[in-house]
């Protein structure tokens, strides 16, 4: 009985650190793919960026450029692009080329 205990412990650790997180990621990916809306900016698993133009049951039409529409499977959507506002770079307002931003000297 005691010789089986380490094997059970290893199996439990394998499930805890490998299988469970992978199934949670897969579940989150399926939830994201089912909640897509027209107009969402997405990235396919192949790295192609585009905007969802039309949704069907198992596929979608993705506009990647003006007049270029691809028909792709929903499973090919890897992530939804989120827009992050970039902060204004207040230090780079010096007009002199090569100048280093920093405290002004008087």
PDB file of N, CA and C in Angstrom:
ATOM      1  N   UNK A   1       0.819  -1.200   0.000  1.00  0.00           N
ATOM      2  CA  UNK A   1       0.000   0.000   0.000  1.00  0.00           C
ATOM      3  C   UNK A   1       0.863   1.264   0.000  1.00  0.00           C
ATOM      4  N   UNK A   2       1.913   1.281   0.800  1.00  0.00           N
ATOM      5  CA  UNK A   2       2.777   2.452   0.882  1.00  0.00           C
ATOM      6  C   UNK A   2       3.570   2.668  -0.395  1.00  0.00           C
ATOM      7  N   UNK A   3       3.794   1.616  -1.171  1.00  0.00           N
ATOM      8  CA  UNK A   3       4.554   1.768  -2.413  1.00  0.00           C
ATOM      9  C   UNK A   3       3.727   2.450  -3.504  1.00  0.00           C
ATOM     10  N   UNK A   4       2.426   2.443  -3.380  1.00  0.00           N
ATOM     11  CA  UNK A   4       1.538   3.070  -4.359  1.00  0.00           C
ATOM     12  C   UNK A   4       1.330   4.556  -4.042  1.00  0.00           C
ATOM     13  N   UNK A   5       1.546   4.925  -2.811  1.00  0.00           N
ATOM     14  CA  UNK A   5       1.303   6.296  -2.367  1.00  0.00           C
ATOM     15  C   UNK A   5       2.120   7.335  -3.145  1.00  0.00           C
ATOM     16  N   UNK A   6       3.414   7.149  -3.397  1.00  0.00           N
ATOM     17  CA  UNK A   6       4.143   8.139  -4.199  1.00  0.00           C
ATOM     18  C   UNK A   6       3.606   8.263  -5.630  1.00  0.00           C
ATOM     19  N   UNK A   7       3.186   7.157  -6.202  1.00  0.00           N
ATOM     20  CA  UNK A   7       2.626   7.181  -7.553  1.00  0.00           C
ATOM     21  C   UNK A   7       1.326   7.982  -7.591  1.00  0.00           C
ATOM     22  N   UNK A   8       0.486   7.798  -6.590  1.00  0.00           N
ATOM     23  CA  UNK A   8      -0.759   8.562  -6.495  1.00  0.00           C
ATOM     24  C   UNK A   8      -0.443  10.046  -6.291  1.00  0.00           C
ATOM     25  N   UNK A   9       0.551  10.349  -5.482  1.00  0.00           N
ATOM     26  CA  UNK A   9       0.953  11.735  -5.256  1.00  0.00           C
ATOM     27  C   UNK A   9       1.455  12.399  -6.525  1.00  0.00           C
ATOM     28  N   UNK A  10       2.252  11.674  -7.309  1.00  0.00           N
ATOM     29  CA  UNK A  10       2.751  12.212  -8.575  1.00  0.00           C
ATOM     30  C   UNK A  10       1.602  12.452  -9.546  1.00  0.00           C
ATOM     31  N   UNK A  11       0.652  11.521  -9.612  1.00  0.00           N
ATOM     32  CA  UNK A  11      -0.507  11.683 -10.490  1.00  0.00           C
ATOM     33  C   UNK A  11      -1.336  12.897 -10.070  1.00  0.00           C
ATOM     34  N   UNK A  12      -1.490  13.087  -8.772  1.00  0.00           N
ATOM     35  CA  UNK A  12      -2.245  14.234  -8.264  1.00  0.00           C
ATOM     36  C   UNK A  12      -1.538  15.548  -8.606  1.00  0.00           C
ATOM     37  N   UNK A  13      -0.231  15.592  -8.424  1.00  0.00           N
ATOM     38  CA  UNK A  13       0.526  16.794  -8.774  1.00  0.00           C
ATOM     39  C   UNK A  13       0.475  17.070 -10.271  1.00  0.00           C
ATOM     40  N   UNK A  14       0.556  16.025 -11.083  1.00  0.00           N
ATOM     41  CA  UNK A  14       0.461  16.178 -12.533  1.00  0.00           C
ATOM     42  C   UNK A  14      -0.883  16.780 -12.908  1.00  0.00           C
ATOM     43  N   UNK A  15      -1.954  16.281 -12.321  1.00  0.00           N
ATOM     44  CA  UNK A  15      -3.285  16.815 -12.606  1.00  0.00           C
ATOM     45  C   UNK A  15      -3.382  18.265 -12.142  1.00  0.00           C
ATOM     46  N   UNK A  16      -2.843  18.548 -10.964  1.00  0.00           N
ATOM     47  CA  UNK A  16      -2.965  19.875 -10.376  1.00  0.00           C
ATOM     48  C   UNK A  16      -2.193  20.935 -11.157  1.00  0.00           C
ATOM     49  N   UNK A  17      -0.996  20.592 -11.642  1.00  0.00           N
ATOM     50  CA  UNK A  17      -0.147  21.592 -12.291  1.00  0.00           C
ATOM     51  C   UNK A  17      -0.177  21.564 -13.813  1.00  0.00           C
ATOM     52  N   UNK A  18      -0.658  20.493 -14.425  1.00  0.00           N
ATOM     53  CA  UNK A  18      -0.644  20.383 -15.880  1.00  0.00           C
ATOM     54  C   UNK A  18      -2.052  20.334 -16.465  1.00  0.00           C
ATOM     55  N   UNK A  19      -2.825  19.363 -16.085  1.00  0.00           N
ATOM     56  CA  UNK A  19      -4.125  19.120 -16.727  1.00  0.00           C
ATOM     57  C   UNK A  19      -5.155  20.175 -16.346  1.00  0.00           C
ATOM     58  N   UNK A  20      -5.273  20.505 -15.079  1.00  0.00           N
ATOM     59  CA  UNK A  20      -6.285  21.464 -14.633  1.00  0.00           C
ATOM     60  C   UNK A  20      -6.088  22.852 -15.249  1.00  0.00           C
ATOM     61  N   UNK A  21      -4.885  23.443 -15.228  1.00  0.00           N
ATOM     62  CA  UNK A  21      -4.706  24.757 -15.865  1.00  0.00           C
ATOM     63  C   UNK A  21      -4.960  24.729 -17.371  1.00  0.00           C
ATOM     64  N   UNK A  22      -4.576  23.640 -18.033  1.00  0.00           N
ATOM     65  CA  UNK A  22      -4.806  23.547 -19.477  1.00  0.00           C
ATOM     66  C   UNK A  22      -6.292  23.501 -19.789  1.00  0.00           C
ATOM     67  N   UNK A  23      -7.057  22.769 -19.000  1.00  0.00           N
ATOM     68  CA  UNK A  23      -8.500  22.706 -19.255  1.00  0.00           C
ATOM     69  C   UNK A  23      -9.174  24.041 -18.947  1.00  0.00           C
ATOM     70  N   UNK A  24      -8.662  24.773 -17.959  1.00  0.00           N
ATOM     71  CA  UNK A  24      -9.216  26.098 -17.668  1.00  0.00           C
ATOM     72  C   UNK A  24      -8.923  27.074 -18.803  1.00  0.00           C
ATOM     73  N   UNK A  25      -7.704  27.026 -19.383  1.00  0.00           N
ATOM     74  CA  UNK A  25      -7.378  27.886 -20.521  1.00  0.00           C
ATOM     75  C   UNK A  25      -8.261  27.546 -21.716  1.00  0.00           C
ATOM     76  N   UNK A  26      -8.481  26.259 -21.950  1.00  0.00           N
ATOM     77  CA  UNK A  26      -9.311  25.828 -23.070  1.00  0.00           C
ATOM     78  C   UNK A  26     -10.761  26.291 -22.877  1.00  0.00           C
ATOM     79  N   UNK A  27     -11.251  26.213 -21.662  1.00  0.00           N
ATOM     80  CA  UNK A  27     -12.611  26.656 -21.349  1.00  0.00           C
ATOM     81  C   UNK A  27     -12.750  28.166 -21.577  1.00  0.00           C
ATOM     82  N   UNK A  28     -11.752  28.945 -21.148  1.00  0.00           N
ATOM     83  CA  UNK A  28     -11.762  30.394 -21.337  1.00  0.00           C
ATOM     84  C   UNK A  28     -11.697  30.754 -22.822  1.00  0.00           C
ATOM     85  N   UNK A  29     -10.907  30.018 -23.593  1.00  0.00           N
ATOM     86  CA  UNK A  29     -10.795  30.259 -25.030  1.00  0.00           C
ATOM     87  C   UNK A  29     -12.130  29.989 -25.731  1.00  0.00           C
ATOM     88  N   UNK A  30     -12.793  28.895 -25.363  1.00  0.00           N
ATOM     89  CA  UNK A  30     -14.112  28.595 -25.951  1.00  0.00           C
ATOM     90  C   UNK A  30     -15.135  29.664 -25.589  1.00  0.00           C
ATOM     91  N   UNK A  31     -15.081  30.170 -24.339  1.00  0.00           N
ATOM     92  CA  UNK A  31     -16.008  31.219 -23.918  1.00  0.00           C
ATOM     93  C   UNK A  31     -15.769  32.494 -24.726  1.00  0.00           C
ATOM     94  N   UNK A  32     -14.506  32.840 -24.943  1.00  0.00           N
ATOM     95  CA  UNK A  32     -14.167  34.033 -25.714  1.00  0.00           C
ATOM     96  C   UNK A  32     -14.624  33.876 -27.162  1.00  0.00           C
ATOM     97  N   UNK A  33     -14.415  32.704 -27.752  1.00  0.00           N
ATOM     98  CA  UNK A  33     -14.794  32.481 -29.142  1.00  0.00           C
ATOM     99  C   UNK A  33     -16.306  32.500 -29.325  1.00  0.00           C
ATOM    100  N   UNK A  34     -17.055  32.079 -28.325  1.00  0.00           N
ATOM    101  CA  UNK A  34     -18.511  32.090 -28.454  1.00  0.00           C
ATOM    102  C   UNK A  34     -19.103  33.471 -28.172  1.00  0.00           C
ATOM    103  N   UNK A  35     -18.337  34.361 -27.541  1.00  0.00           N
ATOM    104  CA  UNK A  35     -18.871  35.687 -27.213  1.00  0.00           C
ATOM    105  C   UNK A  35     -18.412  36.767 -28.187  1.00  0.00           C
ATOM    106  N   UNK A  36     -17.909  36.380 -29.350  1.00  0.00           N
ATOM    107  CA  UNK A  36     -17.471  37.367 -30.339  1.00  0.00           C
ATOM    108  C   UNK A  36     -18.656  38.144 -30.889  1.00  0.00           C
ATOM    109  N   UNK A  37     -18.441  39.413 -31.198  1.00  0.00           N
ATOM    110  CA  UNK A  37     -19.465  40.267 -31.791  1.00  0.00           C
ATOM    111  C   UNK A  37     -18.937  40.853 -33.091  1.00  0.00           C
ATOM    112  N   UNK A  38     -19.858  41.265 -33.957  1.00  0.00           N
ATOM    113  CA  UNK A  38     -19.463  41.951 -35.184  1.00  0.00           C
ATOM    114  C   UNK A  38     -18.772  43.256 -34.793  1.00  0.00           C
ATOM    115  N   UNK A  39     -17.628  43.515 -35.401  1.00  0.00           N
ATOM    116  CA  UNK A  39     -16.855  44.709 -35.098  1.00  0.00           C
ATOM    117  C   UNK A  39     -15.704  44.467 -34.142  1.00  0.00           C
ATOM    118  N   UNK A  40     -15.649  43.280 -33.542  1.00  0.00           N
ATOM    119  CA  UNK A  40     -14.539  42.963 -32.633  1.00  0.00           C
ATOM    120  C   UNK A  40     -13.244  42.806 -33.420  1.00  0.00           C
ATOM    121  N   UNK A  41     -12.170  43.373 -32.901  1.00  0.00           N
ATOM    122  CA  UNK A  41     -10.857  43.165 -33.510  1.00  0.00           C
ATOM    123  C   UNK A  41     -10.249  41.927 -32.874  1.00  0.00           C
ATOM    124  N   UNK A  42      -9.805  40.992 -33.720  1.00  0.00           N
ATOM    125  CA  UNK A  42      -9.287  39.723 -33.229  1.00  0.00           C
ATOM    126  C   UNK A  42      -7.946  39.396 -33.870  1.00  0.00           C
ATOM    127  N   UNK A  43      -7.243  38.458 -33.250  1.00  0.00           N
ATOM    128  CA  UNK A  43      -6.015  37.903 -33.802  1.00  0.00           C
ATOM    129  C   UNK A  43      -6.240  36.407 -33.950  1.00  0.00           C
ATOM    130  N   UNK A  44      -5.987  35.888 -35.144  1.00  0.00           N
ATOM    131  CA  UNK A  44      -6.107  34.455 -35.362  1.00  0.00           C
ATOM    132  C   UNK A  44      -4.886  33.750 -34.790  1.00  0.00           C
ATOM    133  N   UNK A  45      -4.992  32.447 -34.597  1.00  0.00           N
ATOM    134  CA  UNK A  45      -3.860  31.689 -34.074  1.00  0.00           C
ATOM    135  C   UNK A  45      -2.681  31.713 -35.033  1.00  0.00           C
ATOM    136  N   UNK A  46      -2.920  32.043 -36.297  1.00  0.00           N
ATOM    137  CA  UNK A  46      -1.841  32.147 -37.281  1.00  0.00           C
ATOM    138  C   UNK A  46      -1.177  33.522 -37.265  1.00  0.00           C
ATOM    139  N   UNK A  47      -1.727  34.467 -36.473  1.00  0.00           N
ATOM    140  CA  UNK A  47      -1.137  35.794 -36.366  1.00  0.00           C
ATOM    141  C   UNK A  47      -1.792  36.845 -37.234  1.00  0.00           C
ATOM    142  N   UNK A  48      -2.862  36.505 -37.936  1.00  0.00           N
ATOM    143  CA  UNK A  48      -3.555  37.458 -38.806  1.00  0.00           C
ATOM    144  C   UNK A  48      -4.489  38.318 -37.955  1.00  0.00           C
ATOM    145  N   UNK A  49      -4.389  39.635 -38.113  1.00  0.00           N
ATOM    146  CA  UNK A  49      -5.262  40.581 -37.419  1.00  0.00           C
ATOM    147  C   UNK A  49      -6.417  40.952 -38.334  1.00  0.00           C
ATOM    148  N   UNK A  50      -7.607  41.153 -37.758  1.00  0.00           N
ATOM    149  CA  UNK A  50      -8.741  41.574 -38.551  1.00  0.00           C
ATOM    150  C   UNK A  50      -9.922  41.954 -37.684  1.00  0.00           C
ATOM    151  N   UNK A  51     -10.992  42.392 -38.353  1.00  0.00           N
ATOM    152  CA  UNK A  51     -12.225  42.799 -37.690  1.00  0.00           C
ATOM    153  C   UNK A  51     -13.337  41.858 -38.110  1.00  0.00           C
ATOM    154  N   UNK A  52     -14.118  41.384 -37.147  1.00  0.00           N
ATOM    155  CA  UNK A  52     -15.214  40.466 -37.439  1.00  0.00           C
ATOM    156  C   UNK A  52     -16.278  41.214 -38.231  1.00  0.00           C
ATOM    157  N   UNK A  53     -16.575  40.713 -39.443  1.00  0.00           N
ATOM    158  CA  UNK A  53     -17.563  41.350 -40.304  1.00  0.00           C
ATOM    159  C   UNK A  53     -18.912  40.651 -40.217  1.00  0.00           C
ATOM    160  N   UNK A  54     -18.902  39.325 -40.026  1.00  0.00           N
ATOM    161  CA  UNK A  54     -20.147  38.561 -39.971  1.00  0.00           C
ATOM    162  C   UNK A  54     -19.898  37.291 -39.178  1.00  0.00           C
ATOM    163  N   UNK A  55     -20.897  36.876 -38.392  1.00  0.00           N
ATOM    164  CA  UNK A  55     -20.788  35.669 -37.581  1.00  0.00           C
ATOM    165  C   UNK A  55     -21.730  34.598 -38.096  1.00  0.00           C
ATOM    166  N   UNK A  56     -21.245  33.379 -38.162  1.00  0.00           N
ATOM    167  CA  UNK A  56     -22.053  32.207 -38.495  1.00  0.00           C
ATOM    168  C   UNK A  56     -21.925  31.229 -37.326  1.00  0.00           C
ATOM    169  N   UNK A  57     -22.550  30.049 -37.456  1.00  0.00           N
ATOM    170  CA  UNK A  57     -22.501  29.079 -36.364  1.00  0.00           C
ATOM    171  C   UNK A  57     -21.078  28.630 -36.040  1.00  0.00           C
ATOM    172  N   UNK A  58     -20.373  28.113 -37.033  1.00  0.00           N
ATOM    173  CA  UNK A  58     -19.052  27.549 -36.780  1.00  0.00           C
ATOM    174  C   UNK A  58     -17.916  28.314 -37.453  1.00  0.00           C
ATOM    175  N   UNK A  59     -18.231  29.385 -38.152  1.00  0.00           N
ATOM    176  CA  UNK A  59     -17.193  30.186 -38.795  1.00  0.00           C
ATOM    177  C   UNK A  59     -17.580  31.663 -38.757  1.00  0.00           C
ATOM    178  N   UNK A  60     -16.663  32.508 -39.197  1.00  0.00           N
ATOM    179  CA  UNK A  60     -16.933  33.940 -39.250  1.00  0.00           C
ATOM    180  C   UNK A  60     -16.216  34.536 -40.446  1.00  0.00           C
ATOM    181  N   UNK A  61     -16.691  35.701 -40.865  1.00  0.00           N
ATOM    182  CA  UNK A  61     -16.036  36.443 -41.936  1.00  0.00           C
ATOM    183  C   UNK A  61     -15.210  37.537 -41.283  1.00  0.00           C
ATOM    184  N   UNK A  62     -13.927  37.564 -41.627  1.00  0.00           N
ATOM    185  CA  UNK A  62     -12.976  38.467 -41.011  1.00  0.00           C
ATOM    186  C   UNK A  62     -12.434  39.426 -42.054  1.00  0.00           C
ATOM    187  N   UNK A  63     -12.633  40.729 -41.829  1.00  0.00           N
ATOM    188  CA  UNK A  63     -12.103  41.735 -42.746  1.00  0.00           C
ATOM    189  C   UNK A  63     -10.688  42.078 -42.291  1.00  0.00           C
ATOM    190  N   UNK A  64      -9.705  41.781 -43.160  1.00  0.00           N
ATOM    191  CA  UNK A  64      -8.306  42.030 -42.812  1.00  0.00           C
ATOM    192  C   UNK A  64      -7.764  43.290 -43.467  1.00  0.00           C
ATOM    193  N   UNK A  65      -8.432  43.778 -44.511  1.00  0.00           N
ATOM    194  CA  UNK A  65      -8.072  45.025 -45.189  1.00  0.00           C
ATOM    195  C   UNK A  65      -9.298  45.478 -45.960  1.00  0.00           C
ATOM    196  N   UNK A  66      -9.262  46.677 -46.522  1.00  0.00           N
ATOM    197  CA  UNK A  66     -10.392  47.162 -47.309  1.00  0.00           C
ATOM    198  C   UNK A  66     -10.608  46.237 -48.495  1.00  0.00           C
ATOM    199  N   UNK A  67     -11.783  45.637 -48.563  1.00  0.00           N
ATOM    200  CA  UNK A  67     -12.127  44.753 -49.664  1.00  0.00           C
ATOM    201  C   UNK A  67     -11.575  43.343 -49.544  1.00  0.00           C
ATOM    202  N   UNK A  68     -10.888  43.018 -48.450  1.00  0.00           N
ATOM    203  CA  UNK A  68     -10.332  41.675 -48.259  1.00  0.00           C
ATOM    204  C   UNK A  68     -11.029  41.029 -47.068  1.00  0.00           C
ATOM    205  N   UNK A  69     -11.835  39.989 -47.348  1.00  0.00           N
ATOM    206  CA  UNK A  69     -12.587  39.302 -46.307  1.00  0.00           C
ATOM    207  C   UNK A  69     -12.217  37.827 -46.345  1.00  0.00           C
ATOM    208  N   UNK A  70     -11.873  37.275 -45.185  1.00  0.00           N
ATOM    209  CA  UNK A  70     -11.519  35.867 -45.071  1.00  0.00           C
ATOM    210  C   UNK A  70     -12.614  35.120 -44.330  1.00  0.00           C
ATOM    211  N   UNK A  71     -12.894  33.893 -44.762  1.00  0.00           N
ATOM    212  CA  UNK A  71     -13.815  33.024 -44.051  1.00  0.00           C
ATOM    213  C   UNK A  71     -12.963  32.081 -43.209  1.00  0.00           C
ATOM    214  N   UNK A  72     -13.102  32.171 -41.881  1.00  0.00           N
ATOM    215  CA  UNK A  72     -12.282  31.369 -40.978  1.00  0.00           C
ATOM    216  C   UNK A  72     -13.162  30.656 -39.954  1.00  0.00           C
ATOM    217  N   UNK A  73     -12.657  29.574 -39.417  1.00  0.00           N
ATOM    218  CA  UNK A  73     -13.353  28.842 -38.358  1.00  0.00           C
ATOM    219  C   UNK A  73     -13.264  29.634 -37.056  1.00  0.00           C
ATOM    220  N   UNK A  74     -14.292  29.536 -36.229  1.00  0.00           N
ATOM    221  CA  UNK A  74     -14.265  30.226 -34.931  1.00  0.00           C
ATOM    222  C   UNK A  74     -13.093  29.752 -34.082  1.00  0.00           C
ATOM    223  N   UNK A  75     -12.729  28.500 -34.228  1.00  0.00           N
ATOM    224  CA  UNK A  75     -11.618  27.950 -33.461  1.00  0.00           C
ATOM    225  C   UNK A  75     -10.280  28.551 -33.823  1.00  0.00           C
ATOM    226  N   UNK A  76     -10.204  29.247 -34.951  1.00  0.00           N
ATOM    227  CA  UNK A  76      -8.948  29.876 -35.366  1.00  0.00           C
ATOM    228  C   UNK A  76      -8.704  31.200 -34.655  1.00  0.00           C
ATOM    229  N   UNK A  77      -9.712  31.722 -33.958  1.00  0.00           N
ATOM    230  CA  UNK A  77      -9.553  32.991 -33.245  1.00  0.00           C
ATOM    231  C   UNK A  77      -8.754  32.721 -31.974  1.00  0.00           C
ATOM    232  N   UNK A  78      -7.601  33.373 -31.870  1.00  0.00           N
ATOM    233  CA  UNK A  78      -6.735  33.168 -30.715  1.00  0.00           C
ATOM    234  C   UNK A  78      -7.003  34.135 -29.586  1.00  0.00           C
ATOM    235  N   UNK A  79      -7.309  35.395 -29.923  1.00  0.00           N
ATOM    236  CA  UNK A  79      -7.573  36.383 -28.882  1.00  0.00           C
ATOM    237  C   UNK A  79      -8.288  37.587 -29.475  1.00  0.00           C
ATOM    238  N   UNK A  80      -8.904  38.353 -28.587  1.00  0.00           N
ATOM    239  CA  UNK A  80      -9.554  39.601 -28.962  1.00  0.00           C
ATOM    240  C   UNK A  80      -8.574  40.718 -28.643  1.00  0.00           C
ATOM    241  N   UNK A  81      -8.386  41.635 -29.597  1.00  0.00           N
ATOM    242  CA  UNK A  81      -7.458  42.749 -29.405  1.00  0.00           C
ATOM    243  C   UNK A  81      -8.124  43.777 -28.511  1.00  0.00           C
ATOM    244  N   UNK A  82      -7.429  44.172 -27.462  1.00  0.00           N
ATOM    245  CA  UNK A  82      -7.943  45.219 -26.583  1.00  0.00           C
ATOM    246  C   UNK A  82      -7.140  46.474 -26.836  1.00  0.00           C
ATOM    247  N   UNK A  83      -7.835  47.587 -26.951  1.00  0.00           N
ATOM    248  CA  UNK A  83      -7.189  48.870 -27.202  1.00  0.00           C
ATOM    249  C   UNK A  83      -6.691  49.435 -25.883  1.00  0.00           C
ATOM    250  N   UNK A  84      -5.411  49.751 -25.825  1.00  0.00           N
ATOM    251  CA  UNK A  84      -4.819  50.358 -24.640  1.00  0.00           C
ATOM    252  C   UNK A  84      -4.407  51.771 -25.009  1.00  0.00           C
ATOM    253  N   UNK A  85      -4.925  52.738 -24.270  1.00  0.00           N
ATOM    254  CA  UNK A  85      -4.554  54.127 -24.519  1.00  0.00           C
ATOM    255  C   UNK A  85      -3.112  54.330 -24.084  1.00  0.00           C
ATOM    256  N   UNK A  86      -2.292  54.822 -25.012  1.00  0.00           N
ATOM    257  CA  UNK A  86      -0.898  55.076 -24.688  1.00  0.00           C
ATOM    258  C   UNK A  86      -0.786  56.432 -24.010  1.00  0.00           C
ATOM    259  N   UNK A  87      -0.063  56.495 -22.901  1.00  0.00           N
ATOM    260  CA  UNK A  87       0.086  57.791 -22.220  1.00  0.00           C
ATOM    261  C   UNK A  87       0.928  58.731 -23.062  1.00  0.00           C
ATOM    262  N   UNK A  88       0.609  60.002 -22.966  1.00  0.00           N
ATOM    263  CA  UNK A  88       1.376  61.009 -23.688  1.00  0.00           C
ATOM    264  C   UNK A  88       2.802  61.008 -23.159  1.00  0.00           C
ATOM    265  N   UNK A  89       3.745  61.046 -24.052  1.00  0.00           N
ATOM    266  CA  UNK A  89       5.144  61.068 -23.654  1.00  0.00           C
ATOM    267  C   UNK A  89       5.552  62.511 -23.384  1.00  0.00           C
ATOM    268  N   UNK A  90       5.447  62.916 -22.131  1.00  0.00           N
ATOM    269  CA  UNK A  90       5.717  64.300 -21.764  1.00  0.00           C
ATOM    270  C   UNK A  90       7.204  64.613 -21.790  1.00  0.00           C
ATOM    271  N   UNK A  91       8.048  63.606 -21.638  1.00  0.00           N
ATOM    272  CA  UNK A  91       9.483  63.852 -21.602  1.00  0.00           C
ATOM    273  C   UNK A  91      10.066  64.057 -22.986  1.00  0.00           C
ATOM    274  N   UNK A  92       9.404  63.607 -24.027  1.00  0.00           N
ATOM    275  CA  UNK A  92       9.945  63.690 -25.382  1.00  0.00           C
ATOM    276  C   UNK A  92       9.419  64.904 -26.132  1.00  0.00           C
ATOM    277  N   UNK A  93       9.211  66.013 -25.452  1.00  0.00           N
ATOM    278  CA  UNK A  93       8.687  67.211 -26.108  1.00  0.00           C
ATOM    279  C   UNK A  93       9.781  68.182 -26.506  1.00  0.00           C
ATOM    280  N   UNK A  94      11.033  67.867 -26.233  1.00  0.00           N
ATOM    281  CA  UNK A  94      12.148  68.738 -26.587  1.00  0.00           C
ATOM    282  C   UNK A  94      12.335  68.717 -28.099  1.00  0.00           C
ATOM    283  N   UNK A  95      12.481  69.895 -28.728  1.00  0.00           N
ATOM    284  CA  UNK A  95      12.568  69.983 -30.184  1.00  0.00           C
ATOM    285  C   UNK A  95      13.963  69.708 -30.732  1.00  0.00           C
ATOM    286  N   UNK A  96      14.983  69.736 -29.891  1.00  0.00           N
ATOM    287  CA  UNK A  96      16.340  69.532 -30.376  1.00  0.00           C
ATOM    288  C   UNK A  96      16.592  68.045 -30.619  1.00  0.00           C
ATOM    289  N   UNK A  97      17.092  67.697 -31.823  1.00  0.00           N
ATOM    290  CA  UNK A  97      17.386  66.285 -32.063  1.00  0.00           C
ATOM    291  C   UNK A  97      18.549  65.821 -31.197  1.00  0.00           C
ATOM    292  N   UNK A  98      18.426  64.650 -30.643  1.00  0.00           N
ATOM    293  CA  UNK A  98      19.476  64.088 -29.815  1.00  0.00           C
ATOM    294  C   UNK A  98      19.488  64.605 -28.393  1.00  0.00           C
ATOM    295  N   UNK A  99      18.555  65.476 -28.045  1.00  0.00           N
ATOM    296  CA  UNK A  99      18.520  66.015 -26.693  1.00  0.00           C
ATOM    297  C   UNK A  99      17.966  64.969 -25.743  1.00  0.00           C
ATOM    298  N   UNK A 100      18.493  64.945 -24.562  1.00  0.00           N
ATOM    299  CA  UNK A 100      18.042  64.007 -23.541  1.00  0.00           C
ATOM    300  C   UNK A 100      17.041  64.731 -22.658  1.00  0.00           C
ATOM    301  N   UNK A 101      15.890  64.090 -22.443  1.00  0.00           N
ATOM    302  CA  UNK A 101      14.867  64.697 -21.607  1.00  0.00           C
ATOM    303  C   UNK A 101      15.284  64.590 -20.151  1.00  0.00           C
ATOM    304  N   UNK A 102      15.006  65.593 -19.402  1.00  0.00           N
ATOM    305  CA  UNK A 102      15.345  65.586 -17.989  1.00  0.00           C
ATOM    306  C   UNK A 102      14.981  66.922 -17.375  1.00  0.00           C
ATOM    307  N   UNK A 103      15.425  67.167 -16.161  1.00  0.00           N
ATOM    308  CA  UNK A 103      15.097  68.446 -15.521  1.00  0.00           C
ATOM    309  C   UNK A 103      15.793  69.595 -16.243  1.00  0.00           C
ATOM    310  N   UNK A 104      15.082  70.690 -16.354  1.00  0.00           N
ATOM    311  CA  UNK A 104      15.636  71.856 -17.043  1.00  0.00           C
ATOM    312  C   UNK A 104      16.645  72.557 -16.151  1.00  0.00           C
ATOM    313  N   UNK A 105      17.717  73.040 -16.781  1.00  0.00           N
ATOM    314  CA  UNK A 105      18.733  73.781 -16.038  1.00  0.00           C
ATOM    315  C   UNK A 105      18.504  75.275 -16.245  1.00  0.00           C
ATOM    316  N   UNK A 106      18.713  76.065 -15.216  1.00  0.00           N
ATOM    317  CA  UNK A 106      18.548  77.515 -15.306  1.00  0.00           C
ATOM    318  C   UNK A 106      19.863  78.202 -15.388  1.00  0.00           C
TER     319      UNK A 106
END
